[in-house]
PDB file of N, CA and C in Angstrom:
ATOM      1  N   MET A   1      12.115 311.705 106.991  1.00  0.00           N
ATOM      2  CA  MET A   1      12.891 311.986 105.822  1.00  0.00           C
ATOM      3  C   MET A   1      13.015 312.511 105.148  1.00  0.00           C
ATOM      4  N   LEU A   2      14.293 312.039 103.885  1.00  0.00           N
ATOM      5  CA  LEU A   2      15.013 313.475 103.718  1.00  0.00           C
ATOM      6  C   LEU A   2      13.961 314.141 102.498  1.00  0.00           C
ATOM      7  N   THR A   3      14.405 314.678 101.971  1.00  0.00           N
ATOM      8  CA  THR A   3      14.052 315.357 100.055  1.00  0.00           C
ATOM      9  C   THR A   3      13.833 314.483  99.729  1.00  0.00           C
ATOM     10  N   ASN A   4      13.184 314.294  98.428  1.00  0.00           N
ATOM     11  CA  ASN A   4      13.744 314.265  97.727  1.00  0.00           C
ATOM     12  C   ASN A   4      15.538 314.773  96.942  1.00  0.00           C
ATOM     13  N   GLN A   5      15.324 316.463  96.934  1.00  0.00           N
ATOM     14  CA  GLN A   5      16.486 317.181  96.414  1.00  0.00           C
ATOM     15  C   GLN A   5      17.491 316.922  97.530  1.00  0.00           C
ATOM     16  N   VAL A   6      17.617 316.945  98.638  1.00  0.00           N
ATOM     17  CA  VAL A   6      18.847 316.371  99.798  1.00  0.00           C
ATOM     18  C   VAL A   6      19.392 315.056  99.748  1.00  0.00           C
ATOM     19  N   GLU A   7      18.760 313.676  99.149  1.00  0.00           N
ATOM     20  CA  GLU A   7      18.409 313.170  99.066  1.00  0.00           C
ATOM     21  C   GLU A   7      19.447 312.317  96.991  1.00  0.00           C
ATOM     22  N   GLU A   8      18.793 313.781  96.505  1.00  0.00           N
ATOM     23  CA  GLU A   8      19.597 313.216  94.921  1.00  0.00           C
ATOM     24  C   GLU A   8      21.167 314.310  95.060  1.00  0.00           C
ATOM     25  N   SER A   9      20.951 315.169  95.943  1.00  0.00           N
ATOM     26  CA  SER A   9      22.274 316.369  96.060  1.00  0.00           C
ATOM     27  C   SER A   9      23.393 315.287  97.533  1.00  0.00           C
ATOM     28  N   LEU A  10      22.827 314.233  97.931  1.00  0.00           N
ATOM     29  CA  LEU A  10      23.388 313.042  98.370  1.00  0.00           C
ATOM     30  C   LEU A  10      24.179 312.366  97.926  1.00  0.00           C
ATOM     31  N   LYS A  11      23.591 311.228  96.842  1.00  0.00           N
ATOM     32  CA  LYS A  11      23.877 310.569  95.750  1.00  0.00           C
ATOM     33  C   LYS A  11      24.790 311.437  94.746  1.00  0.00           C
ATOM     34  N   GLU A  12      24.214 312.606  93.979  1.00  0.00           N
ATOM     35  CA  GLU A  12      25.419 313.701  93.557  1.00  0.00           C
ATOM     36  C   GLU A  12      26.930 313.142  93.908  1.00  0.00           C
ATOM     37  N   ALA A  13      26.893 314.463  95.057  1.00  0.00           N
ATOM     38  CA  ALA A  13      28.303 314.072  95.614  1.00  0.00           C
ATOM     39  C   ALA A  13      28.410 313.138  96.237  1.00  0.00           C
ATOM     40  N   GLU A  14      28.156 311.713  96.845  1.00  0.00           N
ATOM     41  CA  GLU A  14      28.571 310.406  96.813  1.00  0.00           C
ATOM     42  C   GLU A  14      29.470 310.170  95.152  1.00  0.00           C
ATOM     43  N   GLY A  15      28.581 310.188  94.219  1.00  0.00           N
ATOM     44  CA  GLY A  15      28.923 309.837  92.571  1.00  0.00           C
ATOM     45  C   GLY A  15      30.406 310.303  92.358  1.00  0.00           C
ATOM     46  N   CYS A  16      30.456 312.259  92.387  1.00  0.00           N
ATOM     47  CA  CYS A  16      31.805 312.590  92.775  1.00  0.00           C
ATOM     48  C   CYS A  16      32.408 312.204  93.383  1.00  0.00           C
ATOM     49  N   LEU A  17      32.646 311.648  94.220  1.00  0.00           N
ATOM     50  CA  LEU A  17      33.339 311.592  95.288  1.00  0.00           C
ATOM     51  C   LEU A  17      34.295 310.368  94.985  1.00  0.00           C
ATOM     52  N   ARG A  18      33.276 309.269  94.501  1.00  0.00           N
ATOM     53  CA  ARG A  18      33.715 307.837  93.735  1.00  0.00           C
ATOM     54  C   ARG A  18      35.077 308.397  92.222  1.00  0.00           C
ATOM     55  N   ASN A  19      33.962 309.284  92.139  1.00  0.00           N
ATOM     56  CA  ASN A  19      35.650 309.554  91.060  1.00  0.00           C
ATOM     57  C   ASN A  19      36.403 309.977  91.491  1.00  0.00           C
ATOM     58  N   ALA A  20      36.194 311.042  91.994  1.00  0.00           N
ATOM     59  CA  ALA A  20      37.714 311.284  93.243  1.00  0.00           C
ATOM     60  C   ALA A  20      38.539 310.502  94.106  1.00  0.00           C
ATOM     61  N   LEU A  21      37.806 309.302  93.839  1.00  0.00           N
ATOM     62  CA  LEU A  21      38.707 308.205  95.145  1.00  0.00           C
ATOM     63  C   LEU A  21      39.249 307.737  93.612  1.00  0.00           C
ATOM     64  N   HIS A  22      38.470 307.378  92.288  1.00  0.00           N
ATOM     65  CA  HIS A  22      38.691 306.514  91.063  1.00  0.00           C
ATOM     66  C   HIS A  22      40.814 307.042  90.986  1.00  0.00           C
ATOM     67  N   TRP A  23      40.795 308.630  90.951  1.00  0.00           N
ATOM     68  CA  TRP A  23      41.386 308.833  90.261  1.00  0.00           C
ATOM     69  C   TRP A  23      42.878 309.340  91.303  1.00  0.00           C
ATOM     70  N   SER A  24      42.446 309.720  92.297  1.00  0.00           N
ATOM     71  CA  SER A  24      43.207 309.615  93.459  1.00  0.00           C
ATOM     72  C   SER A  24      43.927 308.146  93.910  1.00  0.00           C
ATOM     73  N   ALA A  25      43.610 307.197  93.646  1.00  0.00           N
ATOM     74  CA  ALA A  25      43.851 305.522  93.716  1.00  0.00           C
ATOM     75  C   ALA A  25      45.096 305.445  93.152  1.00  0.00           C
ATOM     76  N   LYS A  26      45.109 306.495  91.614  1.00  0.00           N
ATOM     77  CA  LYS A  26      46.423 306.151  91.620  1.00  0.00           C
ATOM     78  C   LYS A  26      47.653 307.255  91.621  1.00  0.00           C
ATOM     79  N   ASN A  27      46.951 308.051  92.026  1.00  0.00           N
ATOM     80  CA  ASN A  27      48.490 309.416  92.098  1.00  0.00           C
ATOM     81  C   ASN A  27      48.469 310.137  93.659  1.00  0.00           C
ATOM     82  N   GLU A  28      47.453 309.755  94.804  1.00  0.00           N
ATOM     83  CA  GLU A  28      47.234 310.395  96.358  1.00  0.00           C
ATOM     84  C   GLU A  28      47.416 309.908  97.443  1.00  0.00           C
ATOM     85  N   LYS A  29      48.374 310.108  98.452  1.00  0.00           N
ATOM     86  CA  LYS A  29      49.110 309.541  99.083  1.00  0.00           C
ATOM     87  C   LYS A  29      47.793 309.102 100.087  1.00  0.00           C
ATOM     88  N   PRO A  30      47.908 307.800 100.649  1.00  0.00           N
ATOM     89  CA  PRO A  30      47.206 306.769 101.228  1.00  0.00           C
ATOM     90  C   PRO A  30      46.206 307.758 102.275  1.00  0.00           C
ATOM     91  N   PHE A  31      46.254 308.404 102.994  1.00  0.00           N
ATOM     92  CA  PHE A  31      45.723 309.203 103.459  1.00  0.00           C
ATOM     93  C   PHE A  31      44.452 309.509 102.776  1.00  0.00           C
ATOM     94  N   VAL A  32      44.300 309.755 101.822  1.00  0.00           N
ATOM     95  CA  VAL A  32      43.644 310.892 100.880  1.00  0.00           C
ATOM     96  C   VAL A  32      42.804 309.982 100.148  1.00  0.00           C
ATOM     97  N   ASN A  33      42.906 308.997 100.492  1.00  0.00           N
ATOM     98  CA  ASN A  33      42.667 308.288  99.735  1.00  0.00           C
ATOM     99  C   ASN A  33      41.243 307.038 100.692  1.00  0.00           C
ATOM    100  N   SER A  34      41.718 306.918 101.839  1.00  0.00           N
ATOM    101  CA  SER A  34      41.261 306.797 103.178  1.00  0.00           C
ATOM    102  C   SER A  34      39.850 307.839 103.530  1.00  0.00           C
ATOM    103  N   THR A  35      40.149 308.829 103.412  1.00  0.00           N
ATOM    104  CA  THR A  35      39.369 309.802 103.800  1.00  0.00           C
ATOM    105  C   THR A  35      38.410 310.009 102.991  1.00  0.00           C
ATOM    106  N   ILE A  36      38.539 309.952 101.726  1.00  0.00           N
ATOM    107  CA  ILE A  36      37.149 310.551 100.387  1.00  0.00           C
ATOM    108  C   ILE A  36      36.358 308.680 101.068  1.00  0.00           C
ATOM    109  N   SER A  37      37.402 307.576 101.561  1.00  0.00           N
ATOM    110  CA  SER A  37      36.151 306.454 100.892  1.00  0.00           C
ATOM    111  C   SER A  37      35.054 306.490 102.461  1.00  0.00           C
ATOM    112  N   GLU A  38      35.754 307.285 103.496  1.00  0.00           N
ATOM    113  CA  GLU A  38      35.283 307.451 105.118  1.00  0.00           C
ATOM    114  C   GLU A  38      34.077 308.684 104.330  1.00  0.00           C
ATOM    115  N   MET A  39      34.111 309.517 103.820  1.00  0.00           N
ATOM    116  CA  MET A  39      32.892 310.143 103.472  1.00  0.00           C
ATOM    117  C   MET A  39      31.840 309.736 102.526  1.00  0.00           C
ATOM    118  N   ILE A  40      32.828 308.970 101.505  1.00  0.00           N
ATOM    119  CA  ILE A  40      31.469 308.044 100.610  1.00  0.00           C
ATOM    120  C   ILE A  40      30.674 306.299 101.620  1.00  0.00           C
ATOM    121  N   CYS A  41      31.000 306.799 102.651  1.00  0.00           N
ATOM    122  CA  CYS A  41      30.387 305.395 103.891  1.00  0.00           C
ATOM    123  C   CYS A  41      29.029 306.637 104.810  1.00  0.00           C
ATOM    124  N   LYS A  42      30.052 307.746 104.924  1.00  0.00           N
ATOM    125  CA  LYS A  42      29.264 308.604 106.155  1.00  0.00           C
ATOM    126  C   LYS A  42      27.779 308.851 104.980  1.00  0.00           C
ATOM    127  N   ILE A  43      27.802 309.093 104.084  1.00  0.00           N
ATOM    128  CA  ILE A  43      26.258 309.343 102.934  1.00  0.00           C
ATOM    129  C   ILE A  43      25.709 308.458 102.407  1.00  0.00           C
ATOM    130  N   ASP A  44      26.634 307.492 102.400  1.00  0.00           N
ATOM    131  CA  ASP A  44      25.602 306.633 102.466  1.00  0.00           C
ATOM    132  C   ASP A  44      24.753 305.390 103.282  1.00  0.00           C
ATOM    133  N   SER A  45      25.311 305.511 104.676  1.00  0.00           N
ATOM    134  CA  SER A  45      24.655 305.471 105.760  1.00  0.00           C
ATOM    135  C   SER A  45      24.208 306.049 106.660  1.00  0.00           C
ATOM    136  N   LEU A  46      24.044 308.031 106.177  1.00  0.00           N
ATOM    137  CA  LEU A  46      23.113 308.461 105.851  1.00  0.00           C
ATOM    138  C   LEU A  46      21.691 308.119 105.779  1.00  0.00           C
ATOM    139  N   ILE A  47      21.629 308.257 104.231  1.00  0.00           N
ATOM    140  CA  ILE A  47      20.345 307.831 103.424  1.00  0.00           C
ATOM    141  C   ILE A  47      19.881 306.406 103.961  1.00  0.00           C
ATOM    142  N   LYS A  48      20.622 305.654 104.102  1.00  0.00           N
ATOM    143  CA  LYS A  48      20.110 303.994 104.589  1.00  0.00           C
ATOM    144  C   LYS A  48      19.892 304.354 106.212  1.00  0.00           C
ATOM    145  N   THR A  49      20.015 304.939 106.705  1.00  0.00           N
ATOM    146  CA  THR A  49      19.513 305.098 108.134  1.00  0.00           C
ATOM    147  C   THR A  49      18.396 306.251 108.405  1.00  0.00           C
ATOM    148  N   ASP A  50      18.737 307.312 107.273  1.00  0.00           N
ATOM    149  CA  ASP A  50      17.158 307.972 107.551  1.00  0.00           C
ATOM    150  C   ASP A  50      15.902 306.866 106.530  1.00  0.00           C
ATOM    151  N   ALA A  51      16.060 305.910 106.175  1.00  0.00           N
ATOM    152  CA  ALA A  51      15.276 305.421 105.181  1.00  0.00           C
ATOM    153  C   ALA A  51      15.207 304.666 106.591  1.00  0.00           C
ATOM    154  N   LEU A  52      15.892 304.114 107.357  1.00  0.00           N
ATOM    155  CA  LEU A  52      15.870 302.941 108.592  1.00  0.00           C
ATOM    156  C   LEU A  52      14.781 303.293 109.287  1.00  0.00           C
ATOM    157  N   ILE A  53      15.099 304.625 110.532  1.00  0.00           N
ATOM    158  CA  ILE A  53      14.449 305.510 111.241  1.00  0.00           C
ATOM    159  C   ILE A  53      12.882 305.548 110.438  1.00  0.00           C
ATOM    160  N   ASP A  54      12.525 306.125 109.426  1.00  0.00           N
ATOM    161  CA  ASP A  54      11.495 305.805 108.961  1.00  0.00           C
ATOM    162  C   ASP A  54      10.675 304.666 108.679  1.00  0.00           C
ATOM    163  N   LYS A  55      10.657 303.782 108.131  1.00  0.00           N
ATOM    164  CA  LYS A  55      10.429 302.271 108.577  1.00  0.00           C
ATOM    165  C   LYS A  55       9.667 302.357 110.172  1.00  0.00           C
ATOM    166  N   LEU A  56      11.054 302.497 110.940  1.00  0.00           N
ATOM    167  CA  LEU A  56      10.619 302.069 112.047  1.00  0.00           C
ATOM    168  C   LEU A  56       9.144 303.205 113.149  1.00  0.00           C
ATOM    169  N   GLU A  57       9.439 304.639 112.531  1.00  0.00           N
ATOM    170  CA  GLU A  57       8.786 305.302 112.902  1.00  0.00           C
ATOM    171  C   GLU A  57       7.382 304.835 112.338  1.00  0.00           C
ATOM    172  N   GLU A  58       6.677 304.533 110.770  1.00  0.00           N
ATOM    173  CA  GLU A  58       5.920 304.593 110.766  1.00  0.00           C
ATOM    174  C   GLU A  58       5.214 303.182 111.236  1.00  0.00           C
ATOM    175  N   ARG A  59       6.173 302.203 111.750  1.00  0.00           N
ATOM    176  CA  ARG A  59       5.888 300.477 112.598  1.00  0.00           C
ATOM    177  C   ARG A  59       4.929 301.079 113.769  1.00  0.00           C
ATOM    178  N   MET A  60       5.733 302.076 114.548  1.00  0.00           N
ATOM    179  CA  MET A  60       5.594 302.391 116.090  1.00  0.00           C
ATOM    180  C   MET A  60       4.253 303.056 115.946  1.00  0.00           C
ATOM    181  N   ASN A  61       4.612 303.827 114.785  1.00  0.00           N
ATOM    182  CA  ASN A  61       2.232 304.554 114.667  1.00  0.00           C
ATOM    183  C   ASN A  61       1.510 303.991 114.230  1.00  0.00           C
ATOM    184  N   GLY A  62       1.572 302.383 113.297  1.00  0.00           N
ATOM    185  CA  GLY A  62       0.980 301.414 113.248  1.00  0.00           C
ATOM    186  C   GLY A  62       0.186 302.528 111.778  1.00  0.00           C
ATOM    187  N   ASN A  63       1.931 302.203 110.709  1.00  0.00           N
ATOM    188  CA  ASN A  63       1.231 302.976 109.675  1.00  0.00           C
ATOM    189  C   ASN A  63       2.307 302.591 108.786  1.00  0.00           C
ATOM    190  N   GLY A  64       1.621 302.900 107.405  1.00  0.00           N
ATOM    191  CA  GLY A  64       2.489 301.673 106.114  1.00  0.00           C
ATOM    192  C   GLY A  64       2.371 300.139 105.989  1.00  0.00           C
ATOM    193  N   GLU A  65       3.610 299.540 105.316  1.00  0.00           N
ATOM    194  CA  GLU A  65       3.526 298.329 104.957  1.00  0.00           C
ATOM    195  C   GLU A  65       3.894 297.370 106.187  1.00  0.00           C
ATOM    196  N   ASP A  66       4.814 297.746 106.787  1.00  0.00           N
ATOM    197  CA  ASP A  66       4.890 296.768 108.207  1.00  0.00           C
ATOM    198  C   ASP A  66       3.618 297.192 109.549  1.00  0.00           C
ATOM    199  N   LYS A  67       2.849 297.674 109.457  1.00  0.00           N
ATOM    200  CA  LYS A  67       2.285 298.100 110.427  1.00  0.00           C
ATOM    201  C   LYS A  67       2.506 297.175 111.252  1.00  0.00           C
ATOM    202  N   GLY A  68       1.721 297.306 112.584  1.00  0.00           N
ATOM    203  CA  GLY A  68       1.812 296.696 113.626  1.00  0.00           C
ATOM    204  C   GLY A  68       2.372 296.624 114.685  1.00  0.00           C
ATOM    205  N   SER A  69       2.007 296.203 116.076  1.00  0.00           N
ATOM    206  CA  SER A  69       1.716 296.145 117.506  1.00  0.00           C
ATOM    207  C   SER A  69       4.130 295.620 117.851  1.00  0.00           C
ATOM    208  N   TRP A  70       4.250 296.576 118.326  1.00  0.00           N
ATOM    209  CA  TRP A  70       6.257 296.289 119.104  1.00  0.00           C
ATOM    210  C   TRP A  70       5.465 294.987 119.360  1.00  0.00           C
ATOM    211  N   GLY A  71       4.458 294.450 119.816  1.00  0.00           N
ATOM    212  CA  GLY A  71       4.683 293.575 121.581  1.00  0.00           C
ATOM    213  C   GLY A  71       4.946 293.899 122.151  1.00  0.00           C
ATOM    214  N   THR A  72       5.686 293.164 123.141  1.00  0.00           N
ATOM    215  CA  THR A  72       6.584 293.374 124.545  1.00  0.00           C
ATOM    216  C   THR A  72       7.859 293.507 124.158  1.00  0.00           C
ATOM    217  N   PHE A  73       8.150 293.848 122.898  1.00  0.00           N
ATOM    218  CA  PHE A  73      10.090 293.801 122.997  1.00  0.00           C
ATOM    219  C   PHE A  73      10.506 294.852 122.946  1.00  0.00           C
ATOM    220  N   PHE A  74      10.095 296.278 122.754  1.00  0.00           N
ATOM    221  CA  PHE A  74      10.312 296.805 124.547  1.00  0.00           C
ATOM    222  C   PHE A  74       9.721 297.726 125.298  1.00  0.00           C
ATOM    223  N   ASN A  75       8.991 297.731 125.776  1.00  0.00           N
ATOM    224  CA  ASN A  75       8.256 296.706 127.204  1.00  0.00           C
ATOM    225  C   ASN A  75       9.533 296.888 128.733  1.00  0.00           C
TER     226      ASN A  75
END
């Protein structure tokens, strides 16, 4: 689980990158825009993947809202 400080910092960085992308779209070469977009995507994926892994671990341990057995899915 990402700590609140890490998640907030990542979201702040994502916001700054979005601002940079806004300005670079008007003035910079396409590869600059592409690279900034990739960084935004990776930050977003990191946050969402971490949340997904947390849910899967909770389910596997029988905790949380989605508690229950996996059945034969992984057998």
